[in-house]
Amino acid sequence: MATPLHPIGLTMHASYALLFTPSGQQGPAAGWFVFQLAAVFAIIYFMILRPQKKQRERHNQLLASLQKGDKVLTSGGILGEVVHLKDDEVTVKSGEARLVIVRSNIANILNRSIEAKSQ
């Protein structure tokens, strides 16, 4: 008899049976395997996918609230003030230059202008 592979006492034959059961038969631990698979997917969902979805929704709300006069920081590190808005493009004044930036590349709105706060 082979030596146990895991502290729970699975032998080489038992671990082989867990992985490679014939398609028509259910092994003694088939339910356990399905439970482990579901647990892994649940962990991936709650640790990775759900927080990314919430972050994406917050970013979309930030972009939807973008207004003329807002001070913005782009994903490339450019600081500027919004001077013109289109559907998917934003014109930003940074120093003496005016840059046309894709709306989705705006990382953060730093502060709102006084007129935007009063509206």
PDB file of N, CA and C in Angstrom:
ATOM      1  N   MET A   1       0.845  -1.179   0.000  1.00  0.00           N
ATOM      2  CA  MET A   1       0.000   0.000   0.000  1.00  0.00           C
ATOM      3  C   MET A   1       0.889   1.240   0.000  1.00  0.00           C
ATOM      4  N   ALA A   2       0.477   2.258  -0.722  1.00  0.00           N
ATOM      5  CA  ALA A   2       1.266   3.479  -0.832  1.00  0.00           C
ATOM      6  C   ALA A   2       1.135   4.313   0.428  1.00  0.00           C
ATOM      7  N   THR A   3       2.106   5.177   0.638  1.00  0.00           N
ATOM      8  CA  THR A   3       2.078   6.057   1.808  1.00  0.00           C
ATOM      9  C   THR A   3       1.088   7.196   1.564  1.00  0.00           C
ATOM     10  N   PRO A   4       0.501   7.711   2.634  1.00  0.00           N
ATOM     11  CA  PRO A   4      -0.458   8.794   2.473  1.00  0.00           C
ATOM     12  C   PRO A   4       0.192  10.055   1.893  1.00  0.00           C
ATOM     13  N   LEU A   5      -0.561  10.751   1.011  1.00  0.00           N
ATOM     14  CA  LEU A   5      -0.064  11.982   0.420  1.00  0.00           C
ATOM     15  C   LEU A   5      -0.430  13.206   1.261  1.00  0.00           C
ATOM     16  N   HIS A   6      -1.550  13.159   1.913  1.00  0.00           N
ATOM     17  CA  HIS A   6      -2.045  14.289   2.677  1.00  0.00           C
ATOM     18  C   HIS A   6      -2.272  13.848   4.112  1.00  0.00           C
ATOM     19  N   PRO A   7      -2.323  14.779   5.045  1.00  0.00           N
ATOM     20  CA  PRO A   7      -2.576  14.428   6.427  1.00  0.00           C
ATOM     21  C   PRO A   7      -3.929  13.759   6.638  1.00  0.00           C
ATOM     22  N   ILE A   8      -4.859  13.917   5.699  1.00  0.00           N
ATOM     23  CA  ILE A   8      -6.163  13.285   5.884  1.00  0.00           C
ATOM     24  C   ILE A   8      -6.106  11.806   5.525  1.00  0.00           C
ATOM     25  N   GLY A   9      -4.997  11.337   4.968  1.00  0.00           N
ATOM     26  CA  GLY A   9      -4.811   9.920   4.746  1.00  0.00           C
ATOM     27  C   GLY A   9      -5.145   9.432   3.359  1.00  0.00           C
ATOM     28  N   LEU A  10      -5.153  10.274   2.350  1.00  0.00           N
ATOM     29  CA  LEU A  10      -5.413   9.820   0.997  1.00  0.00           C
ATOM     30  C   LEU A  10      -4.200   9.074   0.460  1.00  0.00           C
ATOM     31  N   THR A  11      -4.452   7.945  -0.125  1.00  0.00           N
ATOM     32  CA  THR A  11      -3.360   7.200  -0.748  1.00  0.00           C
ATOM     33  C   THR A  11      -3.267   7.603  -2.206  1.00  0.00           C
ATOM     34  N   MET A  12      -2.232   7.140  -2.891  1.00  0.00           N
ATOM     35  CA  MET A  12      -2.045   7.467  -4.298  1.00  0.00           C
ATOM     36  C   MET A  12      -3.257   6.990  -5.104  1.00  0.00           C
ATOM     37  N   HIS A  13      -3.776   5.818  -4.784  1.00  0.00           N
ATOM     38  CA  HIS A  13      -4.922   5.284  -5.514  1.00  0.00           C
ATOM     39  C   HIS A  13      -6.164   6.151  -5.291  1.00  0.00           C
ATOM     40  N   ALA A  14      -6.387   6.605  -4.053  1.00  0.00           N
ATOM     41  CA  ALA A  14      -7.566   7.415  -3.744  1.00  0.00           C
ATOM     42  C   ALA A  14      -7.483   8.783  -4.420  1.00  0.00           C
ATOM     43  N   SER A  15      -6.290   9.396  -4.425  1.00  0.00           N
ATOM     44  CA  SER A  15      -6.171  10.695  -5.066  1.00  0.00           C
ATOM     45  C   SER A  15      -6.329  10.574  -6.582  1.00  0.00           C
ATOM     46  N   TYR A  16      -5.868   9.469  -7.157  1.00  0.00           N
ATOM     47  CA  TYR A  16      -6.063   9.219  -8.582  1.00  0.00           C
ATOM     48  C   TYR A  16      -7.552   9.065  -8.876  1.00  0.00           C
ATOM     49  N   ALA A  17      -8.259   8.375  -8.007  1.00  0.00           N
ATOM     50  CA  ALA A  17      -9.694   8.160  -8.204  1.00  0.00           C
ATOM     51  C   ALA A  17     -10.464   9.476  -8.106  1.00  0.00           C
ATOM     52  N   LEU A  18      -9.991  10.392  -7.255  1.00  0.00           N
ATOM     53  CA  LEU A  18     -10.660  11.679  -7.141  1.00  0.00           C
ATOM     54  C   LEU A  18     -10.536  12.489  -8.425  1.00  0.00           C
ATOM     55  N   LEU A  19      -9.390  12.398  -9.085  1.00  0.00           N
ATOM     56  CA  LEU A  19      -9.149  13.198 -10.276  1.00  0.00           C
ATOM     57  C   LEU A  19      -9.689  12.562 -11.547  1.00  0.00           C
ATOM     58  N   PHE A  20      -9.621  11.262 -11.647  1.00  0.00           N
ATOM     59  CA  PHE A  20      -9.909  10.597 -12.913  1.00  0.00           C
ATOM     60  C   PHE A  20     -10.986   9.539 -12.775  1.00  0.00           C
ATOM     61  N   THR A  21     -12.162   9.899 -12.304  1.00  0.00           N
ATOM     62  CA  THR A  21     -13.259   8.939 -12.261  1.00  0.00           C
ATOM     63  C   THR A  21     -13.863   8.847 -13.659  1.00  0.00           C
ATOM     64  N   PRO A  22     -14.284   7.662 -14.082  1.00  0.00           N
ATOM     65  CA  PRO A  22     -14.925   7.532 -15.395  1.00  0.00           C
ATOM     66  C   PRO A  22     -16.161   8.412 -15.470  1.00  0.00           C
ATOM     67  N   SER A  23     -16.513   8.816 -16.673  1.00  0.00           N
ATOM     68  CA  SER A  23     -17.545   9.826 -16.854  1.00  0.00           C
ATOM     69  C   SER A  23     -18.928   9.391 -16.361  1.00  0.00           C
ATOM     70  N   GLY A  24     -19.251   8.158 -16.377  1.00  0.00           N
ATOM     71  CA  GLY A  24     -20.577   7.718 -15.962  1.00  0.00           C
ATOM     72  C   GLY A  24     -20.690   7.461 -14.481  1.00  0.00           C
ATOM     73  N   GLN A  25     -19.607   7.463 -13.751  1.00  0.00           N
ATOM     74  CA  GLN A  25     -19.632   7.101 -12.339  1.00  0.00           C
ATOM     75  C   GLN A  25     -19.336   8.312 -11.466  1.00  0.00           C
ATOM     76  N   GLN A  26     -19.939   8.330 -10.310  1.00  0.00           N
ATOM     77  CA  GLN A  26     -19.654   9.362  -9.319  1.00  0.00           C
ATOM     78  C   GLN A  26     -18.768   8.751  -8.251  1.00  0.00           C
ATOM     79  N   GLY A  27     -17.631   9.346  -8.033  1.00  0.00           N
ATOM     80  CA  GLY A  27     -16.728   8.872  -6.993  1.00  0.00           C
ATOM     81  C   GLY A  27     -17.254   9.253  -5.631  1.00  0.00           C
ATOM     82  N   PRO A  28     -16.670   8.720  -4.576  1.00  0.00           N
ATOM     83  CA  PRO A  28     -17.168   9.021  -3.237  1.00  0.00           C
ATOM     84  C   PRO A  28     -16.991  10.488  -2.858  1.00  0.00           C
ATOM     85  N   ALA A  29     -16.078  11.176  -3.508  1.00  0.00           N
ATOM     86  CA  ALA A  29     -15.825  12.563  -3.141  1.00  0.00           C
ATOM     87  C   ALA A  29     -16.232  13.537  -4.244  1.00  0.00           C
ATOM     88  N   ALA A  30     -17.108  13.123  -5.142  1.00  0.00           N
ATOM     89  CA  ALA A  30     -17.523  14.012  -6.234  1.00  0.00           C
ATOM     90  C   ALA A  30     -18.239  15.236  -5.685  1.00  0.00           C
ATOM     91  N   GLY A  31     -19.058  15.074  -4.682  1.00  0.00           N
ATOM     92  CA  GLY A  31     -19.746  16.211  -4.056  1.00  0.00           C
ATOM     93  C   GLY A  31     -18.759  17.155  -3.392  1.00  0.00           C
ATOM     94  N   TRP A  32     -17.733  16.598  -2.772  1.00  0.00           N
ATOM     95  CA  TRP A  32     -16.698  17.404  -2.127  1.00  0.00           C
ATOM     96  C   TRP A  32     -15.937  18.227  -3.169  1.00  0.00           C
ATOM     97  N   PHE A  33     -15.643  17.630  -4.324  1.00  0.00           N
ATOM     98  CA  PHE A  33     -14.934  18.324  -5.393  1.00  0.00           C
ATOM     99  C   PHE A  33     -15.776  19.476  -5.932  1.00  0.00           C
ATOM    100  N   VAL A  34     -17.054  19.256  -6.119  1.00  0.00           N
ATOM    101  CA  VAL A  34     -17.953  20.307  -6.601  1.00  0.00           C
ATOM    102  C   VAL A  34     -18.024  21.436  -5.577  1.00  0.00           C
ATOM    103  N   PHE A  35     -18.072  21.100  -4.297  1.00  0.00           N
ATOM    104  CA  PHE A  35     -18.085  22.111  -3.240  1.00  0.00           C
ATOM    105  C   PHE A  35     -16.810  22.944  -3.262  1.00  0.00           C
ATOM    106  N   GLN A  36     -15.652  22.282  -3.417  1.00  0.00           N
ATOM    107  CA  GLN A  36     -14.382  23.004  -3.476  1.00  0.00           C
ATOM    108  C   GLN A  36     -14.335  23.935  -4.693  1.00  0.00           C
ATOM    109  N   LEU A  37     -14.815  23.464  -5.816  1.00  0.00           N
ATOM    110  CA  LEU A  37     -14.842  24.267  -7.028  1.00  0.00           C
ATOM    111  C   LEU A  37     -15.737  25.495  -6.846  1.00  0.00           C
ATOM    112  N   ALA A  38     -16.895  25.304  -6.244  1.00  0.00           N
ATOM    113  CA  ALA A  38     -17.807  26.421  -5.983  1.00  0.00           C
ATOM    114  C   ALA A  38     -17.182  27.405  -4.997  1.00  0.00           C
ATOM    115  N   ALA A  39     -16.473  26.900  -3.999  1.00  0.00           N
ATOM    116  CA  ALA A  39     -15.821  27.774  -3.025  1.00  0.00           C
ATOM    117  C   ALA A  39     -14.738  28.621  -3.685  1.00  0.00           C
ATOM    118  N   VAL A  40     -13.974  28.041  -4.591  1.00  0.00           N
ATOM    119  CA  VAL A  40     -12.930  28.793  -5.294  1.00  0.00           C
ATOM    120  C   VAL A  40     -13.560  29.892  -6.140  1.00  0.00           C
ATOM    121  N   PHE A  41     -14.621  29.589  -6.861  1.00  0.00           N
ATOM    122  CA  PHE A  41     -15.294  30.606  -7.673  1.00  0.00           C
ATOM    123  C   PHE A  41     -15.888  31.707  -6.799  1.00  0.00           C
ATOM    124  N   ALA A  42     -16.435  31.352  -5.637  1.00  0.00           N
ATOM    125  CA  ALA A  42     -16.983  32.357  -4.726  1.00  0.00           C
ATOM    126  C   ALA A  42     -15.880  33.273  -4.204  1.00  0.00           C
ATOM    127  N   ILE A  43     -14.742  32.715  -3.861  1.00  0.00           N
ATOM    128  CA  ILE A  43     -13.614  33.526  -3.386  1.00  0.00           C
ATOM    129  C   ILE A  43     -13.144  34.470  -4.475  1.00  0.00           C
ATOM    130  N   ILE A  44     -13.014  33.971  -5.692  1.00  0.00           N
ATOM    131  CA  ILE A  44     -12.590  34.817  -6.812  1.00  0.00           C
ATOM    132  C   ILE A  44     -13.594  35.940  -7.030  1.00  0.00           C
ATOM    133  N   TYR A  45     -14.885  35.634  -6.966  1.00  0.00           N
ATOM    134  CA  TYR A  45     -15.913  36.655  -7.181  1.00  0.00           C
ATOM    135  C   TYR A  45     -15.842  37.740  -6.116  1.00  0.00           C
ATOM    136  N   PHE A  46     -15.816  37.342  -4.823  1.00  0.00           N
ATOM    137  CA  PHE A  46     -15.872  38.319  -3.751  1.00  0.00           C
ATOM    138  C   PHE A  46     -14.554  39.045  -3.517  1.00  0.00           C
ATOM    139  N   MET A  47     -13.428  38.464  -3.901  1.00  0.00           N
ATOM    140  CA  MET A  47     -12.136  39.105  -3.677  1.00  0.00           C
ATOM    141  C   MET A  47     -11.652  39.905  -4.883  1.00  0.00           C
ATOM    142  N   ILE A  48     -12.070  39.551  -6.091  1.00  0.00           N
ATOM    143  CA  ILE A  48     -11.530  40.199  -7.289  1.00  0.00           C
ATOM    144  C   ILE A  48     -12.620  40.860  -8.126  1.00  0.00           C
ATOM    145  N   LEU A  49     -13.595  40.104  -8.581  1.00  0.00           N
ATOM    146  CA  LEU A  49     -14.558  40.620  -9.556  1.00  0.00           C
ATOM    147  C   LEU A  49     -15.494  41.680  -8.980  1.00  0.00           C
ATOM    148  N   ARG A  50     -16.035  41.465  -7.802  1.00  0.00           N
ATOM    149  CA  ARG A  50     -16.989  42.404  -7.216  1.00  0.00           C
ATOM    150  C   ARG A  50     -16.345  43.753  -6.891  1.00  0.00           C
ATOM    151  N   PRO A  51     -15.152  43.788  -6.258  1.00  0.00           N
ATOM    152  CA  PRO A  51     -14.522  45.095  -6.024  1.00  0.00           C
ATOM    153  C   PRO A  51     -14.175  45.834  -7.317  1.00  0.00           C
ATOM    154  N   GLN A  52     -13.765  45.106  -8.351  1.00  0.00           N
ATOM    155  CA  GLN A  52     -13.472  45.753  -9.631  1.00  0.00           C
ATOM    156  C   GLN A  52     -14.724  46.370 -10.235  1.00  0.00           C
ATOM    157  N   LYS A  53     -15.851  45.683 -10.104  1.00  0.00           N
ATOM    158  CA  LYS A  53     -17.110  46.201 -10.633  1.00  0.00           C
ATOM    159  C   LYS A  53     -17.511  47.475  -9.901  1.00  0.00           C
ATOM    160  N   LYS A  54     -17.374  47.490  -8.569  1.00  0.00           N
ATOM    161  CA  LYS A  54     -17.709  48.683  -7.797  1.00  0.00           C
ATOM    162  C   LYS A  54     -16.794  49.850  -8.155  1.00  0.00           C
ATOM    163  N   GLN A  55     -15.506  49.566  -8.337  1.00  0.00           N
ATOM    164  CA  GLN A  55     -14.559  50.613  -8.705  1.00  0.00           C
ATOM    165  C   GLN A  55     -14.883  51.176 -10.088  1.00  0.00           C
ATOM    166  N   ARG A  56     -15.239  50.299 -11.023  1.00  0.00           N
ATOM    167  CA  ARG A  56     -15.600  50.742 -12.373  1.00  0.00           C
ATOM    168  C   ARG A  56     -16.858  51.611 -12.340  1.00  0.00           C
ATOM    169  N   GLU A  57     -17.847  51.242 -11.512  1.00  0.00           N
ATOM    170  CA  GLU A  57     -19.070  52.035 -11.390  1.00  0.00           C
ATOM    171  C   GLU A  57     -18.785  53.409 -10.798  1.00  0.00           C
ATOM    172  N   ARG A  58     -17.914  53.481  -9.766  1.00  0.00           N
ATOM    173  CA  ARG A  58     -17.541  54.771  -9.179  1.00  0.00           C
ATOM    174  C   ARG A  58     -16.833  55.649 -10.206  1.00  0.00           C
ATOM    175  N   HIS A  59     -15.957  55.051 -11.018  1.00  0.00           N
ATOM    176  CA  HIS A  59     -15.241  55.819 -12.039  1.00  0.00           C
ATOM    177  C   HIS A  59     -16.216  56.334 -13.095  1.00  0.00           C
ATOM    178  N   ASN A  60     -17.182  55.506 -13.493  1.00  0.00           N
ATOM    179  CA  ASN A  60     -18.185  55.953 -14.471  1.00  0.00           C
ATOM    180  C   ASN A  60     -19.029  57.103 -13.913  1.00  0.00           C
ATOM    181  N   GLN A  61     -19.367  57.050 -12.615  1.00  0.00           N
ATOM    182  CA  GLN A  61     -20.111  58.147 -11.993  1.00  0.00           C
ATOM    183  C   GLN A  61     -19.268  59.416 -11.959  1.00  0.00           C
ATOM    184  N   LEU A  62     -17.981  59.265 -11.683  1.00  0.00           N
ATOM    185  CA  LEU A  62     -17.064  60.399 -11.672  1.00  0.00           C
ATOM    186  C   LEU A  62     -17.006  61.048 -13.042  1.00  0.00           C
ATOM    187  N   LEU A  63     -16.904  60.227 -14.092  1.00  0.00           N
ATOM    188  CA  LEU A  63     -16.838  60.763 -15.451  1.00  0.00           C
ATOM    189  C   LEU A  63     -18.155  61.407 -15.863  1.00  0.00           C
ATOM    190  N   ALA A  64     -19.268  60.865 -15.402  1.00  0.00           N
ATOM    191  CA  ALA A  64     -20.574  61.434 -15.741  1.00  0.00           C
ATOM    192  C   ALA A  64     -20.776  62.787 -15.068  1.00  0.00           C
ATOM    193  N   SER A  65     -20.153  62.994 -13.905  1.00  0.00           N
ATOM    194  CA  SER A  65     -20.325  64.261 -13.194  1.00  0.00           C
ATOM    195  C   SER A  65     -19.304  65.316 -13.610  1.00  0.00           C
ATOM    196  N   LEU A  66     -18.469  65.019 -14.562  1.00  0.00           N
ATOM    197  CA  LEU A  66     -17.437  65.949 -15.019  1.00  0.00           C
ATOM    198  C   LEU A  66     -18.072  67.197 -15.620  1.00  0.00           C
ATOM    199  N   GLN A  67     -17.574  68.362 -15.211  1.00  0.00           N
ATOM    200  CA  GLN A  67     -18.130  69.638 -15.672  1.00  0.00           C
ATOM    201  C   GLN A  67     -17.009  70.574 -16.095  1.00  0.00           C
ATOM    202  N   LYS A  68     -17.392  71.563 -16.865  1.00  0.00           N
ATOM    203  CA  LYS A  68     -16.451  72.589 -17.280  1.00  0.00           C
ATOM    204  C   LYS A  68     -15.947  73.332 -16.040  1.00  0.00           C
ATOM    205  N   GLY A  69     -14.634  73.550 -15.962  1.00  0.00           N
ATOM    206  CA  GLY A  69     -14.042  74.244 -14.823  1.00  0.00           C
ATOM    207  C   GLY A  69     -13.469  73.328 -13.770  1.00  0.00           C
ATOM    208  N   ASP A  70     -13.705  72.014 -13.861  1.00  0.00           N
ATOM    209  CA  ASP A  70     -13.161  71.067 -12.892  1.00  0.00           C
ATOM    210  C   ASP A  70     -11.657  70.926 -13.068  1.00  0.00           C
ATOM    211  N   LYS A  71     -10.951  70.814 -11.957  1.00  0.00           N
ATOM    212  CA  LYS A  71      -9.531  70.500 -11.985  1.00  0.00           C
ATOM    213  C   LYS A  71      -9.420  68.984 -12.001  1.00  0.00           C
ATOM    214  N   VAL A  72      -8.695  68.432 -12.984  1.00  0.00           N
ATOM    215  CA  VAL A  72      -8.631  66.981 -13.151  1.00  0.00           C
ATOM    216  C   VAL A  72      -7.189  66.496 -13.178  1.00  0.00           C
ATOM    217  N   LEU A  73      -7.035  65.230 -12.868  1.00  0.00           N
ATOM    218  CA  LEU A  73      -5.769  64.520 -12.980  1.00  0.00           C
ATOM    219  C   LEU A  73      -6.004  63.376 -13.952  1.00  0.00           C
ATOM    220  N   THR A  74      -5.181  63.303 -14.999  1.00  0.00           N
ATOM    221  CA  THR A  74      -5.335  62.223 -15.975  1.00  0.00           C
ATOM    222  C   THR A  74      -4.551  60.996 -15.525  1.00  0.00           C
ATOM    223  N   SER A  75      -4.813  59.883 -16.165  1.00  0.00           N
ATOM    224  CA  SER A  75      -4.081  58.663 -15.832  1.00  0.00           C
ATOM    225  C   SER A  75      -2.613  58.763 -16.220  1.00  0.00           C
ATOM    226  N   GLY A  76      -2.272  59.707 -17.096  1.00  0.00           N
ATOM    227  CA  GLY A  76      -0.884  59.940 -17.473  1.00  0.00           C
ATOM    228  C   GLY A  76      -0.175  60.915 -16.554  1.00  0.00           C
ATOM    229  N   GLY A  77      -0.878  61.482 -15.573  1.00  0.00           N
ATOM    230  CA  GLY A  77      -0.256  62.381 -14.617  1.00  0.00           C
ATOM    231  C   GLY A  77      -0.352  63.846 -14.983  1.00  0.00           C
ATOM    232  N   ILE A  78      -1.168  64.209 -15.955  1.00  0.00           N
ATOM    233  CA  ILE A  78      -1.311  65.610 -16.361  1.00  0.00           C
ATOM    234  C   ILE A  78      -2.389  66.266 -15.500  1.00  0.00           C
ATOM    235  N   LEU A  79      -2.052  67.404 -14.913  1.00  0.00           N
ATOM    236  CA  LEU A  79      -3.005  68.196 -14.151  1.00  0.00           C
ATOM    237  C   LEU A  79      -3.523  69.303 -15.048  1.00  0.00           C
ATOM    238  N   GLY A  80      -4.805  69.565 -14.994  1.00  0.00           N
ATOM    239  CA  GLY A  80      -5.357  70.623 -15.818  1.00  0.00           C
ATOM    240  C   GLY A  80      -6.779  70.964 -15.450  1.00  0.00           C
ATOM    241  N   GLU A  81      -7.326  71.925 -16.158  1.00  0.00           N
ATOM    242  CA  GLU A  81      -8.690  72.375 -15.942  1.00  0.00           C
ATOM    243  C   GLU A  81      -9.509  72.082 -17.187  1.00  0.00           C
ATOM    244  N   VAL A  82     -10.700  71.543 -16.990  1.00  0.00           N
ATOM    245  CA  VAL A  82     -11.580  71.205 -18.109  1.00  0.00           C
ATOM    246  C   VAL A  82     -12.114  72.495 -18.722  1.00  0.00           C
ATOM    247  N   VAL A  83     -11.914  72.635 -20.058  1.00  0.00           N
ATOM    248  CA  VAL A  83     -12.429  73.824 -20.741  1.00  0.00           C
ATOM    249  C   VAL A  83     -13.524  73.490 -21.746  1.00  0.00           C
ATOM    250  N   HIS A  84     -13.594  72.229 -22.190  1.00  0.00           N
ATOM    251  CA  HIS A  84     -14.630  71.841 -23.154  1.00  0.00           C
ATOM    252  C   HIS A  84     -14.904  70.350 -23.024  1.00  0.00           C
ATOM    253  N   LEU A  85     -16.175  69.978 -23.120  1.00  0.00           N
ATOM    254  CA  LEU A  85     -16.592  68.569 -23.016  1.00  0.00           C
ATOM    255  C   LEU A  85     -17.300  68.135 -24.284  1.00  0.00           C
ATOM    256  N   LYS A  86     -16.977  66.950 -24.763  1.00  0.00           N
ATOM    257  CA  LYS A  86     -17.725  66.287 -25.829  1.00  0.00           C
ATOM    258  C   LYS A  86     -18.181  64.948 -25.277  1.00  0.00           C
ATOM    259  N   ASP A  87     -18.750  64.110 -26.139  1.00  0.00           N
ATOM    260  CA  ASP A  87     -19.238  62.806 -25.675  1.00  0.00           C
ATOM    261  C   ASP A  87     -18.133  61.986 -25.030  1.00  0.00           C
ATOM    262  N   ASP A  88     -17.044  61.761 -25.758  1.00  0.00           N
ATOM    263  CA  ASP A  88     -15.974  60.920 -25.227  1.00  0.00           C
ATOM    264  C   ASP A  88     -14.625  61.631 -25.205  1.00  0.00           C
ATOM    265  N   GLU A  89     -14.619  62.939 -25.429  1.00  0.00           N
ATOM    266  CA  GLU A  89     -13.388  63.713 -25.404  1.00  0.00           C
ATOM    267  C   GLU A  89     -13.535  64.895 -24.461  1.00  0.00           C
ATOM    268  N   VAL A  90     -12.421  65.246 -23.817  1.00  0.00           N
ATOM    269  CA  VAL A  90     -12.392  66.381 -22.908  1.00  0.00           C
ATOM    270  C   VAL A  90     -11.189  67.237 -23.287  1.00  0.00           C
ATOM    271  N   THR A  91     -11.397  68.550 -23.416  1.00  0.00           N
ATOM    272  CA  THR A  91     -10.286  69.464 -23.656  1.00  0.00           C
ATOM    273  C   THR A  91      -9.851  70.023 -22.309  1.00  0.00           C
ATOM    274  N   VAL A  92      -8.557  69.843 -22.018  1.00  0.00           N
ATOM    275  CA  VAL A  92      -8.000  70.233 -20.731  1.00  0.00           C
ATOM    276  C   VAL A  92      -6.937  71.298 -20.973  1.00  0.00           C
ATOM    277  N   LYS A  93      -6.989  72.363 -20.169  1.00  0.00           N
ATOM    278  CA  LYS A  93      -5.956  73.394 -20.232  1.00  0.00           C
ATOM    279  C   LYS A  93      -4.960  73.108 -19.122  1.00  0.00           C
ATOM    280  N   SER A  94      -3.707  72.885 -19.527  1.00  0.00           N
ATOM    281  CA  SER A  94      -2.637  72.615 -18.576  1.00  0.00           C
ATOM    282  C   SER A  94      -1.515  73.595 -18.866  1.00  0.00           C
ATOM    283  N   GLY A  95      -1.323  74.528 -17.968  1.00  0.00           N
ATOM    284  CA  GLY A  95      -0.344  75.577 -18.224  1.00  0.00           C
ATOM    285  C   GLY A  95      -0.836  76.440 -19.365  1.00  0.00           C
ATOM    286  N   GLU A  96      -0.039  76.557 -20.433  1.00  0.00           N
ATOM    287  CA  GLU A  96      -0.429  77.319 -21.608  1.00  0.00           C
ATOM    288  C   GLU A  96      -0.936  76.419 -22.732  1.00  0.00           C
ATOM    289  N   ALA A  97      -0.914  75.118 -22.526  1.00  0.00           N
ATOM    290  CA  ALA A  97      -1.309  74.165 -23.563  1.00  0.00           C
ATOM    291  C   ALA A  97      -2.749  73.705 -23.360  1.00  0.00           C
ATOM    292  N   ARG A  98      -3.386  73.369 -24.457  1.00  0.00           N
ATOM    293  CA  ARG A  98      -4.719  72.756 -24.429  1.00  0.00           C
ATOM    294  C   ARG A  98      -4.577  71.356 -25.011  1.00  0.00           C
ATOM    295  N   LEU A  99      -5.040  70.386 -24.269  1.00  0.00           N
ATOM    296  CA  LEU A  99      -4.918  68.987 -24.666  1.00  0.00           C
ATOM    297  C   LEU A  99      -6.299  68.373 -24.809  1.00  0.00           C
ATOM    298  N   VAL A 100      -6.471  67.562 -25.844  1.00  0.00           N
ATOM    299  CA  VAL A 100      -7.710  66.804 -26.006  1.00  0.00           C
ATOM    300  C   VAL A 100      -7.439  65.406 -25.475  1.00  0.00           C
ATOM    301  N   ILE A 101      -8.232  65.008 -24.487  1.00  0.00           N
ATOM    302  CA  ILE A 101      -8.020  63.744 -23.779  1.00  0.00           C
ATOM    303  C   ILE A 101      -9.283  62.914 -23.879  1.00  0.00           C
ATOM    304  N   VAL A 102      -9.117  61.615 -24.019  1.00  0.00           N
ATOM    305  CA  VAL A 102     -10.258  60.703 -23.986  1.00  0.00           C
ATOM    306  C   VAL A 102     -10.825  60.719 -22.568  1.00  0.00           C
ATOM    307  N   ARG A 103     -12.136  60.831 -22.459  1.00  0.00           N
ATOM    308  CA  ARG A 103     -12.801  60.981 -21.155  1.00  0.00           C
ATOM    309  C   ARG A 103     -12.428  59.867 -20.171  1.00  0.00           C
ATOM    310  N   SER A 104     -12.282  58.650 -20.660  1.00  0.00           N
ATOM    311  CA  SER A 104     -11.998  57.529 -19.758  1.00  0.00           C
ATOM    312  C   SER A 104     -10.601  57.598 -19.156  1.00  0.00           C
ATOM    313  N   ASN A 105      -9.706  58.449 -19.690  1.00  0.00           N
ATOM    314  CA  ASN A 105      -8.361  58.584 -19.137  1.00  0.00           C
ATOM    315  C   ASN A 105      -8.279  59.603 -18.006  1.00  0.00           C
ATOM    316  N   ILE A 106      -9.392  60.159 -17.598  1.00  0.00           N
ATOM    317  CA  ILE A 106      -9.393  61.051 -16.439  1.00  0.00           C
ATOM    318  C   ILE A 106      -9.482  60.179 -15.196  1.00  0.00           C
ATOM    319  N   ALA A 107      -8.469  60.300 -14.349  1.00  0.00           N
ATOM    320  CA  ALA A 107      -8.377  59.435 -13.172  1.00  0.00           C
ATOM    321  C   ALA A 107      -9.134  60.003 -11.980  1.00  0.00           C
ATOM    322  N   ASN A 108      -9.103  61.337 -11.815  1.00  0.00           N
ATOM    323  CA  ASN A 108      -9.706  61.907 -10.620  1.00  0.00           C
ATOM    324  C   ASN A 108     -10.066  63.370 -10.867  1.00  0.00           C
ATOM    325  N   ILE A 109     -11.110  63.827 -10.191  1.00  0.00           N
ATOM    326  CA  ILE A 109     -11.456  65.246 -10.172  1.00  0.00           C
ATOM    327  C   ILE A 109     -10.908  65.785  -8.853  1.00  0.00           C
ATOM    328  N   LEU A 110      -9.967  66.714  -8.940  1.00  0.00           N
ATOM    329  CA  LEU A 110      -9.289  67.182  -7.734  1.00  0.00           C
ATOM    330  C   LEU A 110     -10.139  68.133  -6.919  1.00  0.00           C
ATOM    331  N   ASN A 111     -10.670  69.155  -7.537  1.00  0.00           N
ATOM    332  CA  ASN A 111     -11.570  70.067  -6.824  1.00  0.00           C
ATOM    333  C   ASN A 111     -12.482  70.726  -7.846  1.00  0.00           C
ATOM    334  N   ARG A 112     -13.633  71.075  -7.393  1.00  0.00           N
ATOM    335  CA  ARG A 112     -14.621  71.701  -8.275  1.00  0.00           C
ATOM    336  C   ARG A 112     -14.467  73.207  -8.198  1.00  0.00           C
ATOM    337  N   SER A 113     -14.851  73.870  -9.277  1.00  0.00           N
ATOM    338  CA  SER A 113     -14.827  75.333  -9.270  1.00  0.00           C
ATOM    339  C   SER A 113     -15.970  75.855  -8.404  1.00  0.00           C
ATOM    340  N   ILE A 114     -15.923  77.106  -8.052  1.00  0.00           N
ATOM    341  CA  ILE A 114     -16.935  77.703  -7.157  1.00  0.00           C
ATOM    342  C   ILE A 114     -18.315  77.706  -7.801  1.00  0.00           C
ATOM    343  N   GLU A 115     -18.387  77.978  -9.130  1.00  0.00           N
ATOM    344  CA  GLU A 115     -19.693  77.990  -9.787  1.00  0.00           C
ATOM    345  C   GLU A 115     -20.337  76.614  -9.788  1.00  0.00           C
ATOM    346  N   ALA A 116     -19.533  75.551  -9.965  1.00  0.00           N
ATOM    347  CA  ALA A 116     -20.083  74.208 -10.027  1.00  0.00           C
ATOM    348  C   ALA A 116     -20.627  73.772  -8.667  1.00  0.00           C
ATOM    349  N   LYS A 117     -20.009  74.241  -7.567  1.00  0.00           N
ATOM    350  CA  LYS A 117     -20.481  73.875  -6.237  1.00  0.00           C
ATOM    351  C   LYS A 117     -21.801  74.582  -5.899  1.00  0.00           C
ATOM    352  N   SER A 118     -21.977  75.779  -6.405  1.00  0.00           N
ATOM    353  CA  SER A 118     -23.176  76.524  -6.072  1.00  0.00           C
ATOM    354  C   SER A 118     -24.399  76.067  -6.857  1.00  0.00           C
ATOM    355  N   GLN A 119     -24.196  75.330  -7.970  1.00  0.00           N
ATOM    356  CA  GLN A 119     -25.331  74.878  -8.773  1.00  0.00           C
ATOM    357  C   GLN A 119     -25.967  73.653  -8.228  1.00  0.00           C
TER     358      GLN A 119
END
